[in-house]
Amino acid sequence: MQSLDLHNILEQTFLIALKLSAPALLTALVVGLIISFLQAITQINESTLAFVPKILAIGAAMIFASSFISENLLSFTRFLFDQLILVGAT
């Protein structure tokens, strides 16, 4: 395996990790900002108040993004198997 091939596989691995974590992380960020804004307006300083809405929103985001996640994982798996076949051919 060439170092260029390994670099390409590592680059794709990091990109797929970023793509797959983005829906959950962005949802948590948005919900956290909204809850923080509401807490600042109402002056309720309860730190556990944001936990349940974040968990529910992340769960909903993962359900909505499941087809996107599975499509990306399947594509990445095919890419890895193609790379494995290329290594076996040399």
Protein backbone atom coordinates (compact mmCIF):
# COMPACT_ATOMS: atom_id res chain seq x y z
CA MET A 1 0.00 0.00 0.00
CA GLN A 2 1.37 3.34 -1.02
CA SER A 3 1.54 6.20 1.45
CA LEU A 4 -0.67 8.18 -0.92
CA ASP A 5 -3.34 5.45 -0.70
CA LEU A 6 -3.14 5.46 3.08
CA HIS A 7 -3.39 9.25 3.11
CA ASN A 8 -6.52 9.07 0.94
CA ILE A 9 -8.12 6.46 3.23
CA LEU A 10 -7.35 8.52 6.35
CA GLU A 11 -8.69 11.66 4.72
CA GLN A 12 -11.92 9.90 3.77
CA THR A 13 -12.19 8.46 7.30
CA PHE A 14 -11.96 11.89 8.90
CA LEU A 15 -14.44 13.36 6.43
CA ILE A 16 -16.97 10.60 7.03
CA ALA A 17 -16.59 11.01 10.80
CA LEU A 18 -17.25 14.72 10.41
CA LYS A 19 -20.28 14.13 8.17
CA LEU A 20 -21.80 11.53 10.47
CA SER A 21 -21.37 13.56 13.64
CA ALA A 22 -22.58 16.84 12.13
CA PRO A 23 -26.36 16.31 12.51
CA ALA A 24 -26.12 15.49 16.21
CA LEU A 25 -23.55 18.17 17.01
CA LEU A 26 -25.32 20.93 15.10
CA THR A 27 -28.65 20.00 16.66
CA ALA A 28 -27.14 20.09 20.15
CA LEU A 29 -25.56 23.46 19.36
CA VAL A 30 -28.79 25.02 18.11
CA VAL A 31 -30.94 23.64 20.92
CA GLY A 32 -28.34 24.66 23.49
CA LEU A 33 -28.26 28.21 22.15
CA ILE A 34 -32.06 28.45 22.14
CA ILE A 35 -32.32 27.11 25.71
CA SER A 36 -29.55 29.45 26.87
CA PHE A 37 -31.31 32.39 25.24
CA LEU A 38 -34.59 31.45 26.94
CA GLN A 39 -32.81 31.05 30.27
CA ALA A 40 -31.21 34.47 29.88
CA ILE A 41 -34.58 36.06 29.10
CA THR A 42 -36.40 34.40 31.99
CA GLN A 43 -33.40 34.46 34.35
CA ILE A 44 -33.83 30.79 35.17
CA ASN A 45 -30.32 29.52 35.84
CA GLU A 46 -30.93 25.80 36.06
CA SER A 47 -28.11 23.90 34.36
CA THR A 48 -30.08 20.66 34.00
CA LEU A 49 -32.94 22.37 32.14
CA ALA A 50 -31.22 22.06 28.76
CA PHE A 51 -30.46 18.35 29.10
CA VAL A 52 -33.85 16.83 28.21
CA PRO A 53 -34.57 19.07 25.19
CA LYS A 54 -31.08 18.38 23.83
CA ILE A 55 -31.49 14.62 24.19
CA LEU A 56 -34.90 14.68 22.52
CA ALA A 57 -33.69 16.94 19.70
CA ILE A 58 -30.58 14.83 19.08
CA GLY A 59 -32.70 11.68 19.00
CA ALA A 60 -35.07 13.27 16.48
CA ALA A 61 -32.16 14.53 14.38
CA MET A 62 -30.59 11.08 14.30
CA ILE A 63 -33.90 9.55 13.21
CA PHE A 64 -34.29 12.12 10.43
CA ALA A 65 -30.65 11.76 9.38
CA SER A 66 -30.60 7.95 9.47
CA SER A 67 -30.89 7.58 5.69
CA PHE A 68 -28.09 10.11 5.18
CA ILE A 69 -25.92 8.31 7.72
CA SER A 70 -26.53 4.84 6.30
CA GLU A 71 -25.94 6.06 2.73
CA ASN A 72 -22.61 7.60 3.72
CA LEU A 73 -21.53 4.53 5.68
CA LEU A 74 -22.37 2.22 2.79
CA SER A 75 -20.51 4.45 0.36
CA PHE A 76 -17.48 4.56 2.64
CA THR A 77 -17.57 0.78 3.11
CA ARG A 78 -17.63 0.29 -0.66
CA PHE A 79 -14.68 2.68 -0.94
CA LEU A 80 -12.73 0.68 1.65
CA PHE A 81 -13.47 -2.63 -0.08
CA ASP A 82 -12.39 -1.14 -3.41
CA GLN A 83 -9.14 -0.06 -1.79
CA LEU A 84 -8.72 -3.53 -0.30
CA ILE A 85 -9.18 -5.12 -3.72
CA LEU A 86 -6.56 -2.78 -5.17
CA VAL A 87 -4.10 -3.74 -2.44
CA GLY A 88 -4.77 -7.45 -3.06
CA ALA A 89 -4.22 -7.02 -6.81
CA THR A 90 -0.72 -5.60 -6.35
